[in-house]
Each structure stands twice: as C-alpha cells, then as structure tokens.
mmCIF file of all heavy atoms, coordinates in Angstrom:
data_MODEL
# 
_entry.id   MODEL 
# 
loop_
_atom_site.group_PDB 
_atom_site.id 
_atom_site.type_symbol 
_atom_site.label_atom_id 
_atom_site.label_alt_id 
_atom_site.label_comp_id 
_atom_site.label_asym_id 
_atom_site.label_entity_id 
_atom_site.label_seq_id 
_atom_site.pdbx_PDB_ins_code 
_atom_site.Cartn_x 
_atom_site.Cartn_y 
_atom_site.Cartn_z 
_atom_site.occupancy 
_atom_site.B_iso_or_equiv 
_atom_site.pdbx_formal_charge 
_atom_site.auth_seq_id 
_atom_site.auth_comp_id 
_atom_site.auth_asym_id 
_atom_site.auth_atom_id 
_atom_site.pdbx_PDB_model_num 
ATOM 1   N N   . GLY A 1 1  ? 3.610  -42.012 -6.458  1.00 0.00 ? 1  GLY A N   1 
ATOM 2   C CA  . GLY A 1 1  ? 3.129  -43.334 -6.952  1.00 0.00 ? 1  GLY A CA  1 
ATOM 3   C C   . GLY A 1 1  ? 1.881  -43.239 -7.826  1.00 0.00 ? 1  GLY A C   1 
ATOM 4   O O   . GLY A 1 1  ? 1.371  -44.270 -8.160  1.00 0.00 ? 1  GLY A O   1 
ATOM 5   N N   . THR A 1 2  ? 1.456  -42.051 -8.251  1.00 0.00 ? 2  THR A N   1 
ATOM 6   C CA  . THR A 1 2  ? 0.303  -41.879 -9.011  1.00 0.00 ? 2  THR A CA  1 
ATOM 7   C C   . THR A 1 2  ? 0.607  -41.035 -10.270 1.00 0.00 ? 2  THR A C   1 
ATOM 8   O O   . THR A 1 2  ? 1.674  -40.520 -10.434 1.00 0.00 ? 2  THR A O   1 
ATOM 9   C CB  . THR A 1 2  ? -0.824 -41.106 -8.213  1.00 0.00 ? 2  THR A CB  1 
ATOM 10  O OG1 . THR A 1 2  ? -0.621 -39.680 -8.243  1.00 0.00 ? 2  THR A OG1 1 
ATOM 11  C CG2 . THR A 1 2  ? -0.888 -41.623 -6.780  1.00 0.00 ? 2  THR A CG2 1 
ATOM 12  N N   . ASN A 1 3  ? -0.436 -40.849 -11.080 1.00 0.00 ? 3  ASN A N   1 
ATOM 13  C CA  . ASN A 1 3  ? -0.325 -39.988 -12.259 1.00 0.00 ? 3  ASN A CA  1 
ATOM 14  C C   . ASN A 1 3  ? -1.140 -38.711 -12.121 1.00 0.00 ? 3  ASN A C   1 
ATOM 15  O O   . ASN A 1 3  ? -1.477 -38.039 -13.015 1.00 0.00 ? 3  ASN A O   1 
ATOM 16  C CB  . ASN A 1 3  ? -0.859 -40.753 -13.493 1.00 0.00 ? 3  ASN A CB  1 
ATOM 17  C CG  . ASN A 1 3  ? -0.459 -40.094 -14.790 1.00 0.00 ? 3  ASN A CG  1 
ATOM 18  O OD1 . ASN A 1 3  ? 0.753  -39.799 -15.007 1.00 0.00 ? 3  ASN A OD1 1 
ATOM 19  N ND2 . ASN A 1 3  ? -1.384 -39.750 -15.689 1.00 0.00 ? 3  ASN A ND2 1 
ATOM 20  N N   . PHE A 1 4  ? -1.464 -38.358 -10.840 1.00 0.00 ? 4  PHE A N   1 
ATOM 21  C CA  . PHE A 1 4  ? -2.282 -37.195 -10.529 1.00 0.00 ? 4  PHE A CA  1 
ATOM 22  C C   . PHE A 1 4  ? -1.384 -35.930 -10.323 1.00 0.00 ? 4  PHE A C   1 
ATOM 23  O O   . PHE A 1 4  ? -0.238 -36.018 -9.899  1.00 0.00 ? 4  PHE A O   1 
ATOM 24  C CB  . PHE A 1 4  ? -3.107 -37.396 -9.255  1.00 0.00 ? 4  PHE A CB  1 
ATOM 25  C CG  . PHE A 1 4  ? -4.191 -38.383 -9.436  1.00 0.00 ? 4  PHE A CG  1 
ATOM 26  C CD1 . PHE A 1 4  ? -4.109 -39.629 -8.755  1.00 0.00 ? 4  PHE A CD1 1 
ATOM 27  C CD2 . PHE A 1 4  ? -5.286 -38.170 -10.168 1.00 0.00 ? 4  PHE A CD2 1 
ATOM 28  C CE1 . PHE A 1 4  ? -5.129 -40.553 -8.890  1.00 0.00 ? 4  PHE A CE1 1 
ATOM 29  C CE2 . PHE A 1 4  ? -6.303 -39.055 -10.352 1.00 0.00 ? 4  PHE A CE2 1 
ATOM 30  C CZ  . PHE A 1 4  ? -6.239 -40.252 -9.715  1.00 0.00 ? 4  PHE A CZ  1 
ATOM 31  N N   . VAL A 1 5  ? -1.977 -34.831 -10.696 1.00 0.00 ? 5  VAL A N   1 
ATOM 32  C CA  . VAL A 1 5  ? -1.391 -33.532 -10.343 1.00 0.00 ? 5  VAL A CA  1 
ATOM 33  C C   . VAL A 1 5  ? -2.522 -32.860 -9.481  1.00 0.00 ? 5  VAL A C   1 
ATOM 34  O O   . VAL A 1 5  ? -3.673 -32.752 -9.899  1.00 0.00 ? 5  VAL A O   1 
ATOM 35  C CB  . VAL A 1 5  ? -1.177 -32.621 -11.589 1.00 0.00 ? 5  VAL A CB  1 
ATOM 36  C CG1 . VAL A 1 5  ? -0.755 -31.190 -11.105 1.00 0.00 ? 5  VAL A CG1 1 
ATOM 37  C CG2 . VAL A 1 5  ? -0.084 -33.210 -12.416 1.00 0.00 ? 5  VAL A CG2 1 
ATOM 38  N N   . ASP A 1 6  ? -2.152 -32.427 -8.251  1.00 0.00 ? 6  ASP A N   1 
ATOM 39  C CA  . ASP A 1 6  ? -3.104 -31.777 -7.332  1.00 0.00 ? 6  ASP A CA  1 
ATOM 40  C C   . ASP A 1 6  ? -2.805 -30.232 -7.439  1.00 0.00 ? 6  ASP A C   1 
ATOM 41  O O   . ASP A 1 6  ? -1.638 -29.837 -7.324  1.00 0.00 ? 6  ASP A O   1 
ATOM 42  C CB  . ASP A 1 6  ? -2.997 -32.235 -5.954  1.00 0.00 ? 6  ASP A CB  1 
ATOM 43  C CG  . ASP A 1 6  ? -3.638 -33.660 -5.735  1.00 0.00 ? 6  ASP A CG  1 
ATOM 44  O OD1 . ASP A 1 6  ? -4.174 -34.160 -6.684  1.00 0.00 ? 6  ASP A OD1 1 
ATOM 45  O OD2 . ASP A 1 6  ? -3.506 -34.159 -4.651  1.00 0.00 ? 6  ASP A OD2 1 
ATOM 46  N N   . VAL A 1 7  ? -3.807 -29.444 -7.559  1.00 0.00 ? 7  VAL A N   1 
ATOM 47  C CA  . VAL A 1 7  ? -3.654 -28.034 -7.762  1.00 0.00 ? 7  VAL A CA  1 
ATOM 48  C C   . VAL A 1 7  ? -4.517 -27.253 -6.826  1.00 0.00 ? 7  VAL A C   1 
ATOM 49  O O   . VAL A 1 7  ? -5.733 -27.511 -6.651  1.00 0.00 ? 7  VAL A O   1 
ATOM 50  C CB  . VAL A 1 7  ? -3.983 -27.562 -9.202  1.00 0.00 ? 7  VAL A CB  1 
ATOM 51  C CG1 . VAL A 1 7  ? -3.871 -26.080 -9.424  1.00 0.00 ? 7  VAL A CG1 1 
ATOM 52  C CG2 . VAL A 1 7  ? -3.093 -28.393 -10.232 1.00 0.00 ? 7  VAL A CG2 1 
ATOM 53  N N   . GLY A 1 8  ? -3.897 -26.222 -6.150  1.00 0.00 ? 8  GLY A N   1 
ATOM 54  C CA  . GLY A 1 8  ? -4.625 -25.254 -5.319  1.00 0.00 ? 8  GLY A CA  1 
ATOM 55  C C   . GLY A 1 8  ? -4.256 -23.882 -5.759  1.00 0.00 ? 8  GLY A C   1 
ATOM 56  O O   . GLY A 1 8  ? -3.254 -23.702 -6.444  1.00 0.00 ? 8  GLY A O   1 
ATOM 57  N N   . TRP A 1 9  ? -5.025 -22.938 -5.318  1.00 0.00 ? 9  TRP A N   1 
ATOM 58  C CA  . TRP A 1 9  ? -4.702 -21.524 -5.675  1.00 0.00 ? 9  TRP A CA  1 
ATOM 59  C C   . TRP A 1 9  ? -5.196 -20.612 -4.550  1.00 0.00 ? 9  TRP A C   1 
ATOM 60  O O   . TRP A 1 9  ? -6.087 -20.891 -3.775  1.00 0.00 ? 9  TRP A O   1 
ATOM 61  C CB  . TRP A 1 9  ? -5.327 -21.068 -7.010  1.00 0.00 ? 9  TRP A CB  1 
ATOM 62  C CG  . TRP A 1 9  ? -6.804 -21.298 -7.146  1.00 0.00 ? 9  TRP A CG  1 
ATOM 63  C CD1 . TRP A 1 9  ? -7.778 -20.393 -6.909  1.00 0.00 ? 9  TRP A CD1 1 
ATOM 64  C CD2 . TRP A 1 9  ? -7.478 -22.561 -7.444  1.00 0.00 ? 9  TRP A CD2 1 
ATOM 65  N NE1 . TRP A 1 9  ? -9.027 -20.930 -7.122  1.00 0.00 ? 9  TRP A NE1 1 
ATOM 66  C CE2 . TRP A 1 9  ? -8.855 -22.263 -7.452  1.00 0.00 ? 9  TRP A CE2 1 
ATOM 67  C CE3 . TRP A 1 9  ? -7.067 -23.841 -7.678  1.00 0.00 ? 9  TRP A CE3 1 
ATOM 68  C CZ2 . TRP A 1 9  ? -9.850 -23.234 -7.711  1.00 0.00 ? 9  TRP A CZ2 1 
ATOM 69  C CZ3 . TRP A 1 9  ? -8.016 -24.814 -7.995  1.00 0.00 ? 9  TRP A CZ3 1 
ATOM 70  C CH2 . TRP A 1 9  ? -9.372 -24.465 -8.043  1.00 0.00 ? 9  TRP A CH2 1 
ATOM 71  N N   . SER A 1 10 ? -4.577 -19.395 -4.480  1.00 0.00 ? 10 SER A N   1 
ATOM 72  C CA  . SER A 1 10 ? -4.890 -18.412 -3.491  1.00 0.00 ? 10 SER A CA  1 
ATOM 73  C C   . SER A 1 10 ? -4.561 -17.066 -3.952  1.00 0.00 ? 10 SER A C   1 
ATOM 74  O O   . SER A 1 10 ? -3.836 -16.895 -5.005  1.00 0.00 ? 10 SER A O   1 
ATOM 75  C CB  . SER A 1 10 ? -4.126 -18.744 -2.172  1.00 0.00 ? 10 SER A CB  1 
ATOM 76  O OG  . SER A 1 10 ? -4.527 -17.902 -1.142  1.00 0.00 ? 10 SER A OG  1 
ATOM 77  N N   . TYR A 1 11 ? -5.055 -16.038 -3.260  1.00 0.00 ? 11 TYR A N   1 
ATOM 78  C CA  . TYR A 1 11 ? -4.673 -14.681 -3.629  1.00 0.00 ? 11 TYR A CA  1 
ATOM 79  C C   . TYR A 1 11 ? -4.296 -13.953 -2.355  1.00 0.00 ? 11 TYR A C   1 
ATOM 80  O O   . TYR A 1 11 ? -4.993 -13.885 -1.367  1.00 0.00 ? 11 TYR A O   1 
ATOM 81  C CB  . TYR A 1 11 ? -5.925 -13.928 -4.243  1.00 0.00 ? 11 TYR A CB  1 
ATOM 82  C CG  . TYR A 1 11 ? -5.582 -12.566 -4.702  1.00 0.00 ? 11 TYR A CG  1 
ATOM 83  C CD1 . TYR A 1 11 ? -4.735 -12.277 -5.798  1.00 0.00 ? 11 TYR A CD1 1 
ATOM 84  C CD2 . TYR A 1 11 ? -6.014 -11.404 -4.029  1.00 0.00 ? 11 TYR A CD2 1 
ATOM 85  C CE1 . TYR A 1 11 ? -4.422 -11.101 -6.259  1.00 0.00 ? 11 TYR A CE1 1 
ATOM 86  C CE2 . TYR A 1 11 ? -5.695 -10.101 -4.436  1.00 0.00 ? 11 TYR A CE2 1 
ATOM 87  C CZ  . TYR A 1 11 ? -4.873 -9.941  -5.538  1.00 0.00 ? 11 TYR A CZ  1 
ATOM 88  O OH  . TYR A 1 11 ? -4.556 -8.698  -5.951  1.00 0.00 ? 11 TYR A OH  1 
ATOM 89  N N   . ASP A 1 12 ? -3.073 -13.383 -2.430  1.00 0.00 ? 12 ASP A N   1 
ATOM 90  C CA  . ASP A 1 12 ? -2.515 -12.545 -1.304  1.00 0.00 ? 12 ASP A CA  1 
ATOM 91  C C   . ASP A 1 12 ? -2.861 -11.096 -1.594  1.00 0.00 ? 12 ASP A C   1 
ATOM 92  O O   . ASP A 1 12 ? -2.032 -10.466 -2.371  1.00 0.00 ? 12 ASP A O   1 
ATOM 93  C CB  . ASP A 1 12 ? -1.012 -12.812 -1.159  1.00 0.00 ? 12 ASP A CB  1 
ATOM 94  C CG  . ASP A 1 12 ? -0.405 -12.123 -0.022  1.00 0.00 ? 12 ASP A CG  1 
ATOM 95  O OD1 . ASP A 1 12 ? -1.055 -11.211 0.595   1.00 0.00 ? 12 ASP A OD1 1 
ATOM 96  O OD2 . ASP A 1 12 ? 0.796  -12.369 0.283   1.00 0.00 ? 12 ASP A OD2 1 
ATOM 97  N N   . ALA A 1 13 ? -3.871 -10.542 -1.090  1.00 0.00 ? 13 ALA A N   1 
ATOM 98  C CA  . ALA A 1 13 ? -4.339 -9.196  -1.307  1.00 0.00 ? 13 ALA A CA  1 
ATOM 99  C C   . ALA A 1 13 ? -3.287 -8.177  -0.890  1.00 0.00 ? 13 ALA A C   1 
ATOM 100 O O   . ALA A 1 13 ? -3.120 -7.119  -1.493  1.00 0.00 ? 13 ALA A O   1 
ATOM 101 C CB  . ALA A 1 13 ? -5.715 -8.907  -0.674  1.00 0.00 ? 13 ALA A CB  1 
ATOM 102 N N   . ARG A 1 14 ? -2.591 -8.453  0.185   1.00 0.00 ? 14 ARG A N   1 
ATOM 103 C CA  . ARG A 1 14 ? -1.595 -7.489  0.672   1.00 0.00 ? 14 ARG A CA  1 
ATOM 104 C C   . ARG A 1 14 ? -0.431 -7.296  -0.276  1.00 0.00 ? 14 ARG A C   1 
ATOM 105 O O   . ARG A 1 14 ? 0.037  -6.160  -0.444  1.00 0.00 ? 14 ARG A O   1 
ATOM 106 C CB  . ARG A 1 14 ? -1.057 -7.972  2.029   1.00 0.00 ? 14 ARG A CB  1 
ATOM 107 C CG  . ARG A 1 14 ? -2.108 -7.959  3.142   1.00 0.00 ? 14 ARG A CG  1 
ATOM 108 C CD  . ARG A 1 14 ? -1.539 -8.660  4.414   1.00 0.00 ? 14 ARG A CD  1 
ATOM 109 N NE  . ARG A 1 14 ? -1.215 -10.067 4.131   1.00 0.00 ? 14 ARG A NE  1 
ATOM 110 C CZ  . ARG A 1 14 ? -0.675 -10.901 5.094   1.00 0.00 ? 14 ARG A CZ  1 
ATOM 111 N NH1 . ARG A 1 14 ? -0.400 -10.461 6.258   1.00 0.00 ? 14 ARG A NH1 1 
ATOM 112 N NH2 . ARG A 1 14 ? -0.466 -12.119 4.759   1.00 0.00 ? 14 ARG A NH2 1 
ATOM 113 N N   . ALA A 1 15 ? -0.093 -8.395  -0.956  1.00 0.00 ? 15 ALA A N   1 
ATOM 114 C CA  . ALA A 1 15 ? 1.066  -8.296  -1.897  1.00 0.00 ? 15 ALA A CA  1 
ATOM 115 C C   . ALA A 1 15 ? 0.587  -8.192  -3.333  1.00 0.00 ? 15 ALA A C   1 
ATOM 116 O O   . ALA A 1 15 ? 1.384  -8.041  -4.223  1.00 0.00 ? 15 ALA A O   1 
ATOM 117 C CB  . ALA A 1 15 ? 1.961  -9.479  -1.772  1.00 0.00 ? 15 ALA A CB  1 
ATOM 118 N N   . GLY A 1 16 ? -0.747 -8.344  -3.557  1.00 0.00 ? 16 GLY A N   1 
ATOM 119 C CA  . GLY A 1 16 ? -1.213 -8.285  -4.860  1.00 0.00 ? 16 GLY A CA  1 
ATOM 120 C C   . GLY A 1 16 ? -0.772 -9.447  -5.709  1.00 0.00 ? 16 GLY A C   1 
ATOM 121 O O   . GLY A 1 16 ? -0.534 -9.329  -6.970  1.00 0.00 ? 16 GLY A O   1 
ATOM 122 N N   . GLN A 1 17 ? -0.624 -10.647 -5.123  1.00 0.00 ? 17 GLN A N   1 
ATOM 123 C CA  . GLN A 1 17 ? -0.011 -11.845 -5.788  1.00 0.00 ? 17 GLN A CA  1 
ATOM 124 C C   . GLN A 1 17 ? -1.040 -12.957 -5.857  1.00 0.00 ? 17 GLN A C   1 
ATOM 125 O O   . GLN A 1 17 ? -1.693 -13.336 -4.844  1.00 0.00 ? 17 GLN A O   1 
ATOM 126 C CB  . GLN A 1 17 ? 1.235  -12.294 -5.045  1.00 0.00 ? 17 GLN A CB  1 
ATOM 127 C CG  . GLN A 1 17 ? 2.388  -11.354 -5.106  1.00 0.00 ? 17 GLN A CG  1 
ATOM 128 C CD  . GLN A 1 17 ? 3.195  -11.476 -6.395  1.00 0.00 ? 17 GLN A CD  1 
ATOM 129 O OE1 . GLN A 1 17 ? 2.822  -12.318 -7.256  1.00 0.00 ? 17 GLN A OE1 1 
ATOM 130 N NE2 . GLN A 1 17 ? 4.255  -10.775 -6.507  1.00 0.00 ? 17 GLN A NE2 1 
ATOM 131 N N   . LEU A 1 18 ? -1.168 -13.508 -7.079  1.00 0.00 ? 18 LEU A N   1 
ATOM 132 C CA  . LEU A 1 18 ? -1.868 -14.779 -7.243  1.00 0.00 ? 18 LEU A CA  1 
ATOM 133 C C   . LEU A 1 18 ? -0.814 -15.881 -6.934  1.00 0.00 ? 18 LEU A C   1 
ATOM 134 O O   . LEU A 1 18 ? 0.334  -15.831 -7.388  1.00 0.00 ? 18 LEU A O   1 
ATOM 135 C CB  . LEU A 1 18 ? -2.358 -14.988 -8.629  1.00 0.00 ? 18 LEU A CB  1 
ATOM 136 C CG  . LEU A 1 18 ? -2.901 -16.364 -9.026  1.00 0.00 ? 18 LEU A CG  1 
ATOM 137 C CD1 . LEU A 1 18 ? -4.194 -16.628 -8.243  1.00 0.00 ? 18 LEU A CD1 1 
ATOM 138 C CD2 . LEU A 1 18 ? -3.100 -16.444 -10.477 1.00 0.00 ? 18 LEU A CD2 1 
ATOM 139 N N   . ILE A 1 19 ? -1.251 -16.913 -6.154  1.00 0.00 ? 19 ILE A N   1 
ATOM 140 C CA  . ILE A 1 19 ? -0.351 -17.983 -5.774  1.00 0.00 ? 19 ILE A CA  1 
ATOM 141 C C   . ILE A 1 19 ? -0.993 -19.268 -6.267  1.00 0.00 ? 19 ILE A C   1 
ATOM 142 O O   . ILE A 1 19 ? -2.044 -19.630 -5.897  1.00 0.00 ? 19 ILE A O   1 
ATOM 143 C CB  . ILE A 1 19 ? -0.171 -18.080 -4.226  1.00 0.00 ? 19 ILE A CB  1 
ATOM 144 C CG1 . ILE A 1 19 ? 0.370  -16.714 -3.712  1.00 0.00 ? 19 ILE A CG1 1 
ATOM 145 C CG2 . ILE A 1 19 ? 0.798  -19.229 -3.872  1.00 0.00 ? 19 ILE A CG2 1 
ATOM 146 C CD1 . ILE A 1 19 ? 0.365  -16.657 -2.160  1.00 0.00 ? 19 ILE A CD1 1 
ATOM 147 N N   . LEU A 1 20 ? -0.266 -19.979 -7.174  1.00 0.00 ? 20 LEU A N   1 
ATOM 148 C CA  . LEU A 1 20 ? -0.660 -21.242 -7.721  1.00 0.00 ? 20 LEU A CA  1 
ATOM 149 C C   . LEU A 1 20 ? 0.213  -22.371 -7.064  1.00 0.00 ? 20 LEU A C   1 
ATOM 150 O O   . LEU A 1 20 ? 1.427  -22.200 -7.020  1.00 0.00 ? 20 LEU A O   1 
ATOM 151 C CB  . LEU A 1 20 ? -0.470 -21.273 -9.231  1.00 0.00 ? 20 LEU A CB  1 
ATOM 152 C CG  . LEU A 1 20 ? -1.266 -20.210 -9.976  1.00 0.00 ? 20 LEU A CG  1 
ATOM 153 C CD1 . LEU A 1 20 ? -0.859 -20.159 -11.480 1.00 0.00 ? 20 LEU A CD1 1 
ATOM 154 C CD2 . LEU A 1 20 ? -2.751 -20.432 -9.885  1.00 0.00 ? 20 LEU A CD2 1 
ATOM 155 N N   . MET A 1 21 ? -0.429 -23.439 -6.602  1.00 0.00 ? 21 MET A N   1 
ATOM 156 C CA  . MET A 1 21 ? 0.319  -24.498 -5.932  1.00 0.00 ? 21 MET A CA  1 
ATOM 157 C C   . MET A 1 21 ? -0.021 -25.834 -6.632  1.00 0.00 ? 21 MET A C   1 
ATOM 158 O O   . MET A 1 21 ? -1.176 -26.091 -6.889  1.00 0.00 ? 21 MET A O   1 
ATOM 159 C CB  . MET A 1 21 ? -0.128 -24.521 -4.448  1.00 0.00 ? 21 MET A CB  1 
ATOM 160 C CG  . MET A 1 21 ? 0.139  -23.203 -3.716  1.00 0.00 ? 21 MET A CG  1 
ATOM 161 S SD  . MET A 1 21 ? -0.778 -23.108 -2.185  1.00 0.00 ? 21 MET A SD  1 
ATOM 162 C CE  . MET A 1 21 ? -2.442 -22.680 -2.767  1.00 0.00 ? 21 MET A CE  1 
ATOM 163 N N   . SER A 1 22 ? 1.056  -26.629 -6.837  1.00 0.00 ? 22 SER A N   1 
ATOM 164 C CA  . SER A 1 22 ? 0.774  -27.921 -7.484  1.00 0.00 ? 22 SER A CA  1 
ATOM 165 C C   . SER A 1 22 ? 1.788  -28.935 -6.952  1.00 0.00 ? 22 SER A C   1 
ATOM 166 O O   . SER A 1 22 ? 2.878  -28.614 -6.555  1.00 0.00 ? 22 SER A O   1 
ATOM 167 C CB  . SER A 1 22 ? 0.871  -27.830 -9.040  1.00 0.00 ? 22 SER A CB  1 
ATOM 168 O OG  . SER A 1 22 ? 2.187  -27.414 -9.401  1.00 0.00 ? 22 SER A OG  1 
ATOM 169 N N   . THR A 1 23 ? 1.333  -30.252 -6.979  1.00 0.00 ? 23 THR A N   1 
ATOM 170 C CA  . THR A 1 23 ? 2.192  -31.335 -6.593  1.00 0.00 ? 23 THR A CA  1 
ATOM 171 C C   . THR A 1 23 ? 2.000  -32.474 -7.606  1.00 0.00 ? 23 THR A C   1 
ATOM 172 O O   . THR A 1 23 ? 0.839  -32.651 -8.134  1.00 0.00 ? 23 THR A O   1 
ATOM 173 C CB  . THR A 1 23 ? 1.908  -31.863 -5.198  1.00 0.00 ? 23 THR A CB  1 
ATOM 174 O OG1 . THR A 1 23 ? 0.547  -32.226 -5.029  1.00 0.00 ? 23 THR A OG1 1 
ATOM 175 C CG2 . THR A 1 23 ? 2.290  -30.820 -4.109  1.00 0.00 ? 23 THR A CG2 1 
ATOM 176 N N   . GLU A 1 24 ? 3.021  -33.280 -7.773  1.00 0.00 ? 24 GLU A N   1 
ATOM 177 C CA  . GLU A 1 24 ? 2.956  -34.405 -8.657  1.00 0.00 ? 24 GLU A CA  1 
ATOM 178 C C   . GLU A 1 24 ? 4.137  -35.353 -8.252  1.00 0.00 ? 24 GLU A C   1 
ATOM 179 O O   . GLU A 1 24 ? 5.020  -34.960 -7.482  1.00 0.00 ? 24 GLU A O   1 
ATOM 180 C CB  . GLU A 1 24 ? 3.125  -34.035 -10.142 1.00 0.00 ? 24 GLU A CB  1 
ATOM 181 C CG  . GLU A 1 24 ? 4.514  -33.499 -10.407 1.00 0.00 ? 24 GLU A CG  1 
ATOM 182 C CD  . GLU A 1 24 ? 4.755  -33.064 -11.884 1.00 0.00 ? 24 GLU A CD  1 
ATOM 183 O OE1 . GLU A 1 24 ? 3.789  -32.874 -12.575 1.00 0.00 ? 24 GLU A OE1 1 
ATOM 184 O OE2 . GLU A 1 24 ? 5.910  -33.004 -12.281 1.00 0.00 ? 24 GLU A OE2 1 
ATOM 185 N N   . ASP A 1 25 ? 4.118  -36.575 -8.868  1.00 0.00 ? 25 ASP A N   1 
ATOM 186 C CA  . ASP A 1 25 ? 5.242  -37.455 -8.736  1.00 0.00 ? 25 ASP A CA  1 
ATOM 187 C C   . ASP A 1 25 ? 6.175  -37.220 -9.940  1.00 0.00 ? 25 ASP A C   1 
ATOM 188 O O   . ASP A 1 25 ? 5.666  -37.321 -11.104 1.00 0.00 ? 25 ASP A O   1 
ATOM 189 C CB  . ASP A 1 25 ? 4.706  -38.878 -8.736  1.00 0.00 ? 25 ASP A CB  1 
ATOM 190 C CG  . ASP A 1 25 ? 5.885  -39.920 -8.409  1.00 0.00 ? 25 ASP A CG  1 
ATOM 191 O OD1 . ASP A 1 25 ? 7.012  -39.659 -8.869  1.00 0.00 ? 25 ASP A OD1 1 
ATOM 192 O OD2 . ASP A 1 25 ? 5.582  -40.943 -7.826  1.00 0.00 ? 25 ASP A OD2 1 
# 
C-alpha cells in the first residue's frame, strides 16, 4: 500500500556471500 522499498543487507562469512534483502509493493 506504499511507494517504499525497504532494504537490508548482511554478510555470511562462512559461505563468503553478501546477502541483499528488499521488499516493496
């Protein structure tokens, strides 16, 4: 119901992976 994008991020050191997370309508 909004025009927002929410963004989070994390780093998994064990797998060597950057994880980007986002939500929107």
